[in-house]
Every structure is written in C-alpha cells, then in structure tokens.
Amino acid sequence: MDNTSIKSTPKDVFLHLFNIVTFYLSVIGFITLYIQYINVLFPDKLNYYFTAIAQGVRWSTSVLFISIIAYVITSWMLEKDLKQHKEKRNLKLRKWLIYFTLFISAVTIIIDLMTFVYNFLDGELTTRFGLKVLVVLLVAAAVFGYYMWDLKRTDAKTNIPRILAIVVLVVSFGSIIVGFFIIGTPADQRERRFDEQRVGDLQQVQSMIVDYWIQKEKLPEQLVDLEDSISGFVVPTDPATDQVYEYIIVDELAFELCAVFTRSNDDDVSSNFREEYFGPMMYNENWDHNSGRVCFSRTIDPELYKDSDGEMLRPKPVMMR
C-alpha cells in the first residue's frame, strides 16, 4: 500500500493530539514534583517557603496522577490501532507530533539547564543544583530514547510498549506516594493548615489588642471588647472547633493568648526554616508550638508607642463623609 495515500481520520487526530498533550502534562508534573521534593529535602535558607512548596507538590501530584493515566490509556489505544493497521505508523500527523515533541523537549531542556546554571551562579546549593539537573536529564534521556526507538521500530508485535507502560505507572505512582513521607499525607496537610490558621488568628487578635491599648491605655477585659461594627472586626474562633481563643490578662501590660493545636510544628519538615511574619508586633516573635493547649505570653512596652516628644501615639481618626 502506498504510504503517501494514508489519510488521518478524526479519531486518529483526536487520539494523537490527546496522547501528546497528556504526555507533556505528565512530564511537567513529574519534573516539577521532584524539584519540589529536592527543595524540601535540601532547603535553601535564602529561599525557602514550605507552604508554597507543599502547594506545588499538591498541584504537580494532581497533574501527574490524572495525566499519566490518560496518557497510558491513549497510548494503549494507539498501539492497539497500529497493530491492526500497520500502515498508520507512517501517518504524517504521527511523525509530525513525535518530531515536534522531540523539539519541544530539547528546547525545554535547554531552558531548564540555563535556569539551573543561573541559579547555581547566583549561589544556589550545589547539591540542589546537581539533583535538579539530574532529574531533567534523566527524564529527557528517557523521552528521547523512547521516541527515537518508536520512530525506527518495525516490529509492531513487540511487548516493549506494554512493559514501559507498567514501568511508567509504577514510577509515577511511586513518586506520588513518596510525597506522603516527605511533606505528609492529605490529613497531615489539613492539620497543618488548621494550625497555621490558628497562628494567623492569634496574630490578628494580638494586633487588635495592641491597637486597643494604644487608644484606651488599658487592655481589653475580654476579646469581645475588640469587636467593632464600623471596621467590621469580629474576633476569630478556632477553625476546627469554633471555640473562642483563650485570652488571659496577666497584669496591666501583659497578657496571654492560648489555643489548642493539632500537631507540634517541630514535627514539620520546615521546622528549621520558619517563614517569618512581618507586621505590627509580629517581627521576630516566637509562634512555635507543641500539640495541645499552648499559651503565648506577650508584654507591651509603652516606650515603643511614644513619639519624639514622649507623647503616646494615637491612631489617626477615620474621616466620615
């Protein structure tokens, strides 16, 4: 049969395009996932944000999990069709997509290597640099090796595609499972977000207590005194139990804020590289906590809230129109 007369059917176009798109997504998800793992296992003190890394892991895991299944299924359908119609191996659409994939892969590799070299010259840790480059090169070698072999092979009955599909699924799902040991299970992530919300709530309440003291030169007797119908501030409650946070007055300038935490943040991978929160009365403060009930002691220093003339600073009044 004359190969030049082979025409692509709508089914061929759909399967080949869908297969190549899911392949791109799988590669992107796989590489991104391992780069985030490297960022966690080999943290850089100059650029380390565990929350952002965990979010990146969740996103790349989602992309990889869905796209790799779709890629394997469409690859199986294409392989089955090629066994029944050997002449379709010479479809122009198929060859164009394969060569385009090789081109995109080559460009992506070059850009990634340029980026990694830039980061290395910028002072990124050598181990991180080497591992990231290794991940990209291994994936690139696998992609080039498979598609070059696929272009040249003539035996349509080989079991190599089936074996490779099993290997790809095992490696991909194994990589996803590894993430549970590196950043925690979905349940761990939910507990961590609850504790982060508790810390954020206490920081907000603390800031409002300080503003209240500046205005009235005394601490509020209870947290409900902080609520303001004009500004719309409502005292936050525990995100999991809806219980009110504890507020204890120690003396006229000292107070404690207490909450019940699900886990100790010393158990987190990020415990040695804390994200700092900046804002009024927040800089360099200690918000580390164990699991269970934890109280944070705070003491207001009046000297910090005086102007150059020694007068107490007052918040600017809100102008009503």
Protein backbone atom coordinates (compact mmCIF):
# COMPACT_ATOMS: atom_id res chain seq x y z
CA MET A 1 0.00 0.00 0.00
CA ASP A 2 1.26 3.48 -0.87
CA ASN A 3 2.06 5.21 2.40
CA THR A 4 1.57 8.63 0.82
CA SER A 5 -2.12 7.87 0.36
CA ILE A 6 -2.74 7.26 4.07
CA LYS A 7 -5.20 9.76 5.46
CA SER A 8 -5.78 10.68 9.10
CA THR A 9 -9.28 10.09 10.38
CA PRO A 10 -10.87 12.33 13.04
CA LYS A 11 -10.27 9.51 15.53
CA ASP A 12 -6.56 9.47 14.64
CA VAL A 13 -6.28 13.23 15.12
CA PHE A 14 -8.07 13.11 18.47
CA LEU A 15 -6.05 10.21 19.87
CA HIS A 16 -2.67 11.52 18.74
CA LEU A 17 -3.27 15.08 19.95
CA PHE A 18 -4.77 13.95 23.26
CA ASN A 19 -1.92 11.49 23.76
CA ILE A 20 0.79 14.08 23.14
CA VAL A 21 -0.87 16.72 25.36
CA THR A 22 -1.23 14.30 28.27
CA PHE A 23 2.38 13.30 27.70
CA TYR A 24 3.50 16.94 28.05
CA LEU A 25 1.47 17.33 31.22
CA SER A 26 2.88 14.11 32.67
CA VAL A 27 6.46 15.17 32.06
CA ILE A 28 5.85 18.64 33.51
CA GLY A 29 4.12 17.19 36.56
CA PHE A 30 6.84 14.59 37.13
CA ILE A 31 9.74 17.04 36.85
CA THR A 32 8.00 19.68 38.97
CA LEU A 33 7.17 17.10 41.63
CA TYR A 34 10.77 16.00 42.04
CA ILE A 35 12.08 19.55 42.01
CA GLN A 36 9.76 20.33 44.92
CA TYR A 37 10.95 17.19 46.73
CA ILE A 38 14.53 18.38 46.30
CA ASN A 39 13.59 21.82 47.64
CA VAL A 40 12.19 20.16 50.78
CA LEU A 41 14.99 17.66 51.36
CA PHE A 42 17.77 20.16 50.60
CA PRO A 43 16.35 23.51 51.79
CA ASP A 44 17.98 26.81 50.96
CA LYS A 45 17.85 29.26 53.86
CA LEU A 46 17.84 32.16 51.41
CA ASN A 47 14.77 30.94 49.57
CA TYR A 48 12.61 28.50 51.49
CA TYR A 49 8.85 28.68 51.89
CA PHE A 50 7.41 25.35 52.95
CA THR A 51 3.80 26.37 52.40
CA ALA A 52 4.49 27.29 48.78
CA ILE A 53 6.48 24.07 48.26
CA ALA A 54 3.67 21.95 49.72
CA GLN A 55 1.19 23.67 47.42
CA GLY A 56 3.49 22.98 44.46
CA VAL A 57 3.67 19.31 45.43
CA ARG A 58 -0.12 19.06 45.64
CA TRP A 59 -0.57 20.69 42.26
CA SER A 60 2.11 18.66 40.44
CA THR A 61 0.81 15.46 42.06
CA SER A 62 -2.69 16.21 40.77
CA VAL A 63 -1.38 16.91 37.26
CA LEU A 64 0.78 13.79 37.20
CA PHE A 65 -1.88 11.46 38.64
CA ILE A 66 -4.56 12.37 36.10
CA SER A 67 -2.41 12.97 33.03
CA ILE A 68 -0.31 9.80 33.34
CA ILE A 69 -3.44 7.63 33.46
CA ALA A 70 -4.88 9.39 30.40
CA TYR A 71 -1.53 9.10 28.59
CA VAL A 72 -1.19 5.37 29.22
CA ILE A 73 -4.78 4.68 28.15
CA THR A 74 -4.46 6.62 24.89
CA SER A 75 -1.05 5.05 24.24
CA TRP A 76 -2.63 1.62 24.63
CA MET A 77 -5.43 2.56 22.23
CA LEU A 78 -2.95 3.90 19.67
CA GLU A 79 -0.72 0.83 19.98
CA LYS A 80 -3.72 -1.44 19.50
CA ASP A 81 -4.78 0.52 16.41
CA LEU A 82 -1.25 0.42 14.97
CA LYS A 83 -1.15 -3.37 15.34
CA GLN A 84 -4.36 -3.63 13.33
CA HIS A 85 -3.35 -1.01 10.77
CA LYS A 86 0.42 -1.12 10.34
CA GLU A 87 0.31 1.48 7.60
CA LYS A 88 -0.76 4.11 10.15
CA ARG A 89 2.74 4.04 11.59
CA ASN A 90 3.69 6.29 8.67
CA LEU A 91 0.95 8.82 9.23
CA LYS A 92 2.30 12.32 8.70
CA LEU A 93 0.35 13.53 11.72
CA ARG A 94 2.01 10.94 13.95
CA LYS A 95 5.53 11.71 12.76
CA TRP A 96 5.00 15.46 12.93
CA LEU A 97 3.80 15.20 16.53
CA ILE A 98 6.70 12.98 17.55
CA TYR A 99 9.31 15.27 16.00
CA PHE A 100 7.55 18.28 17.48
CA THR A 101 7.68 16.57 20.88
CA LEU A 102 11.40 15.98 20.48
CA PHE A 103 11.85 19.64 19.52
CA ILE A 104 9.83 20.92 22.50
CA SER A 105 11.68 18.57 24.82
CA ALA A 106 15.03 19.81 23.56
CA VAL A 107 14.05 23.47 23.96
CA THR A 108 12.64 22.80 27.43
CA ILE A 109 15.82 21.03 28.48
CA ILE A 110 17.98 23.89 27.25
CA ILE A 111 15.86 26.49 29.07
CA ASP A 112 15.82 24.42 32.27
CA LEU A 113 19.56 23.94 32.17
CA MET A 114 20.04 27.68 31.61
CA THR A 115 17.80 28.41 34.58
CA PHE A 116 19.61 25.95 36.82
CA VAL A 117 23.01 27.32 35.79
CA TYR A 118 21.80 30.84 36.57
CA ASN A 119 20.61 29.73 39.99
CA PHE A 120 23.88 27.95 40.61
CA LEU A 121 25.86 31.08 39.73
CA ASP A 122 23.51 33.01 41.99
CA GLY A 123 24.66 30.90 44.93
CA GLU A 124 22.16 28.03 44.99
CA LEU A 125 23.35 24.98 46.88
CA THR A 126 25.48 22.63 44.79
CA THR A 127 23.54 19.53 45.85
CA ARG A 128 20.22 21.10 44.86
CA PHE A 129 21.67 22.20 41.55
CA GLY A 130 23.10 18.79 40.75
CA LEU A 131 19.96 16.86 41.66
CA LYS A 132 17.67 19.15 39.66
CA VAL A 133 19.86 18.86 36.59
CA LEU A 134 19.97 15.08 37.05
CA VAL A 135 16.16 14.86 37.18
CA VAL A 136 15.78 16.87 33.96
CA LEU A 137 18.50 14.91 32.14
CA LEU A 138 17.09 11.52 33.16
CA VAL A 139 13.60 12.46 32.01
CA ALA A 140 14.99 13.95 28.79
CA ALA A 141 17.06 10.83 28.07
CA ALA A 142 14.01 8.61 28.66
CA VAL A 143 11.83 10.74 26.36
CA PHE A 144 14.40 10.92 23.57
CA GLY A 145 15.27 7.26 23.87
CA TYR A 146 11.68 6.06 23.69
CA TYR A 147 10.52 8.27 20.83
CA MET A 148 13.63 7.69 18.74
CA TRP A 149 13.12 3.96 19.20
CA ASP A 150 9.43 4.34 18.35
CA LEU A 151 10.27 6.12 15.10
CA LYS A 152 12.68 3.42 13.98
CA ARG A 153 10.96 0.24 15.15
CA THR A 154 9.35 -2.05 12.61
CA ASP A 155 8.09 -4.85 14.85
CA ALA A 156 4.50 -3.99 15.74
CA LYS A 157 4.06 -7.06 17.95
CA THR A 158 6.76 -6.21 20.49
CA ASN A 159 5.83 -6.18 24.19
CA ILE A 160 8.18 -3.30 24.99
CA PRO A 161 5.42 -0.63 24.98
CA ARG A 162 3.40 -2.67 27.47
CA ILE A 163 6.42 -3.16 29.72
CA LEU A 164 7.26 0.56 29.51
CA ALA A 165 3.66 1.46 30.38
CA ILE A 166 3.84 -0.66 33.53
CA VAL A 167 7.20 0.86 34.47
CA VAL A 168 5.88 4.40 33.90
CA LEU A 169 2.81 3.78 36.05
CA VAL A 170 4.84 2.21 38.86
CA VAL A 171 7.41 5.03 38.84
CA SER A 172 4.73 7.74 38.67
CA PHE A 173 2.51 6.35 41.43
CA GLY A 174 5.59 5.51 43.50
CA SER A 175 6.73 9.13 43.16
CA ILE A 176 3.32 10.33 44.37
CA ILE A 177 3.40 8.00 47.37
CA VAL A 178 6.91 9.24 48.26
CA GLY A 179 5.39 12.67 48.75
CA PHE A 180 3.33 11.38 51.68
CA PHE A 181 6.58 10.65 53.52
CA ILE A 182 8.23 13.94 52.53
CA ILE A 183 5.50 16.54 53.09
CA GLY A 184 2.84 14.41 54.78
CA THR A 185 -0.47 12.82 53.88
CA PRO A 186 -3.54 14.90 52.90
CA ALA A 187 -4.74 14.55 56.51
CA ASP A 188 -1.38 15.91 57.74
CA GLN A 189 -1.65 18.84 55.34
CA ARG A 190 -5.14 19.66 56.59
CA GLU A 191 -3.99 19.59 60.21
CA ARG A 192 -1.04 21.80 59.36
CA ARG A 193 -3.31 24.34 57.64
CA PHE A 194 -5.61 24.40 60.67
CA ASP A 195 -2.62 25.16 62.92
CA GLU A 196 -1.38 27.84 60.52
CA GLN A 197 -4.84 29.41 60.63
CA ARG A 198 -4.78 29.36 64.44
CA VAL A 199 -1.44 31.16 64.49
CA GLY A 200 -2.74 33.70 61.97
CA ASP A 201 -5.85 34.30 64.09
CA LEU A 202 -3.79 34.83 67.24
CA GLN A 203 -1.53 37.28 65.41
CA GLN A 204 -4.56 39.25 64.26
CA VAL A 205 -6.07 39.29 67.75
CA GLN A 206 -2.73 40.36 69.22
CA SER A 207 -2.52 43.27 66.81
CA MET A 208 -6.04 44.38 67.73
CA ILE A 209 -5.23 44.16 71.45
CA VAL A 210 -2.25 46.45 70.95
CA ASP A 211 -4.37 48.93 68.96
CA TYR A 212 -6.98 48.84 71.72
CA TRP A 213 -4.32 49.56 74.35
CA ILE A 214 -2.94 52.48 72.30
CA GLN A 215 -6.39 54.03 72.05
CA LYS A 216 -7.54 53.49 75.66
CA GLU A 217 -4.27 52.90 77.53
CA LYS A 218 -5.62 49.71 79.01
CA LEU A 219 -6.04 46.12 77.93
CA PRO A 220 -9.50 44.89 76.91
CA GLU A 221 -11.22 42.94 79.65
CA GLN A 222 -12.33 40.30 77.17
CA LEU A 223 -11.83 39.64 73.48
CA VAL A 224 -15.37 40.63 72.60
CA ASP A 225 -14.43 44.22 73.53
CA LEU A 226 -12.26 44.27 70.37
CA GLU A 227 -15.22 43.85 68.04
CA ASP A 228 -16.18 46.94 66.09
CA SER A 229 -19.29 47.23 63.94
CA ILE A 230 -17.77 50.11 61.95
CA SER A 231 -14.48 48.46 61.00
CA GLY A 232 -16.23 45.10 60.77
CA PHE A 233 -13.74 43.30 63.01
CA VAL A 234 -15.06 40.11 64.60
CA VAL A 235 -12.96 38.07 66.97
CA PRO A 236 -11.94 34.89 65.12
CA THR A 237 -12.59 31.44 66.55
CA ASP A 238 -10.83 28.11 66.20
CA PRO A 239 -11.29 26.99 62.55
CA ALA A 240 -11.88 23.34 63.52
CA THR A 241 -13.96 23.60 66.71
CA ASP A 242 -15.38 27.17 66.53
CA GLN A 243 -14.25 27.62 70.14
CA VAL A 244 -13.18 31.10 71.29
CA TYR A 245 -9.44 31.51 71.81
CA GLU A 246 -8.32 31.98 75.40
CA TYR A 247 -7.32 35.47 76.50
CA ILE A 248 -5.70 35.90 79.92
CA ILE A 249 -4.72 39.26 81.45
CA VAL A 250 -1.51 38.86 83.49
CA ASP A 251 -1.11 42.50 84.54
CA GLU A 252 -1.82 45.95 83.10
CA LEU A 253 0.73 45.47 80.28
CA ALA A 254 0.99 41.69 79.91
CA PHE A 255 -1.42 39.13 78.53
CA GLU A 256 -1.55 35.60 77.13
CA LEU A 257 -3.26 34.17 74.06
CA CYS A 258 -3.93 30.43 74.08
CA ALA A 259 -5.05 27.89 71.51
CA VAL A 260 -5.25 24.12 71.16
CA PHE A 261 -3.02 22.91 68.31
CA THR A 262 -3.33 19.62 66.49
CA ARG A 263 0.36 18.99 66.00
CA SER A 264 3.77 20.28 67.00
CA ASN A 265 5.44 22.35 64.35
CA ASP A 266 8.74 20.78 65.42
CA ASP A 267 7.48 17.71 63.56
CA ASP A 268 7.24 19.65 60.30
CA VAL A 269 9.91 19.40 57.66
CA SER A 270 10.00 23.18 57.76
CA SER A 271 10.76 23.42 61.48
CA ASN A 272 14.35 24.55 60.95
CA PHE A 273 13.46 27.10 58.29
CA ARG A 274 10.49 29.07 59.56
CA GLU A 275 8.67 31.56 57.43
CA GLU A 276 8.74 34.89 59.20
CA TYR A 277 5.61 37.00 59.52
CA PHE A 278 6.07 40.74 59.35
CA GLY A 279 3.69 43.32 60.74
CA PRO A 280 2.88 45.26 63.92
CA MET A 281 4.14 43.44 66.99
CA MET A 282 4.97 40.35 64.89
CA TYR A 283 8.57 40.73 63.84
CA ASN A 284 10.87 38.11 65.38
CA GLU A 285 8.16 36.86 67.72
CA ASN A 286 8.02 33.25 68.70
CA TRP A 287 4.98 31.36 67.48
CA ASP A 288 6.43 27.87 67.78
CA HIS A 289 4.10 25.43 69.46
CA ASN A 290 3.67 21.84 70.56
CA SER A 291 0.48 19.85 70.14
CA GLY A 292 -2.29 20.52 72.63
CA ARG A 293 -3.01 23.70 74.58
CA VAL A 294 -0.28 26.33 74.14
CA CYS A 295 -0.21 29.88 75.53
CA PHE A 296 1.81 32.75 74.06
CA SER A 297 2.89 35.39 76.58
CA ARG A 298 3.12 38.97 75.37
CA THR A 299 4.14 42.17 77.19
CA ILE A 300 3.55 45.64 75.76
CA ASP A 301 6.44 48.10 76.05
CA PRO A 302 4.91 51.62 76.30
CA GLU A 303 8.16 53.23 75.15
CA LEU A 304 7.67 51.73 71.71
CA TYR A 305 4.46 53.70 71.24
CA LYS A 306 5.63 57.24 72.01
CA ASP A 307 6.55 59.96 69.55
CA SER A 308 9.68 62.11 69.67
CA ASP A 309 8.05 64.37 72.28
CA GLY A 310 7.29 61.46 74.57
CA GLU A 311 3.56 61.58 73.85
CA MET A 312 1.57 58.42 73.26
CA LEU A 313 0.99 57.72 69.58
CA ARG A 314 -2.65 57.75 68.61
CA PRO A 315 -4.24 56.13 65.57
CA LYS A 316 -5.39 58.67 63.02
CA PRO A 317 -9.17 59.28 63.20
CA VAL A 318 -11.33 57.94 60.40
CA MET A 319 -12.82 60.78 58.35
CA MET A 320 -16.53 60.22 57.72
CA ARG A 321 -18.29 61.78 54.74
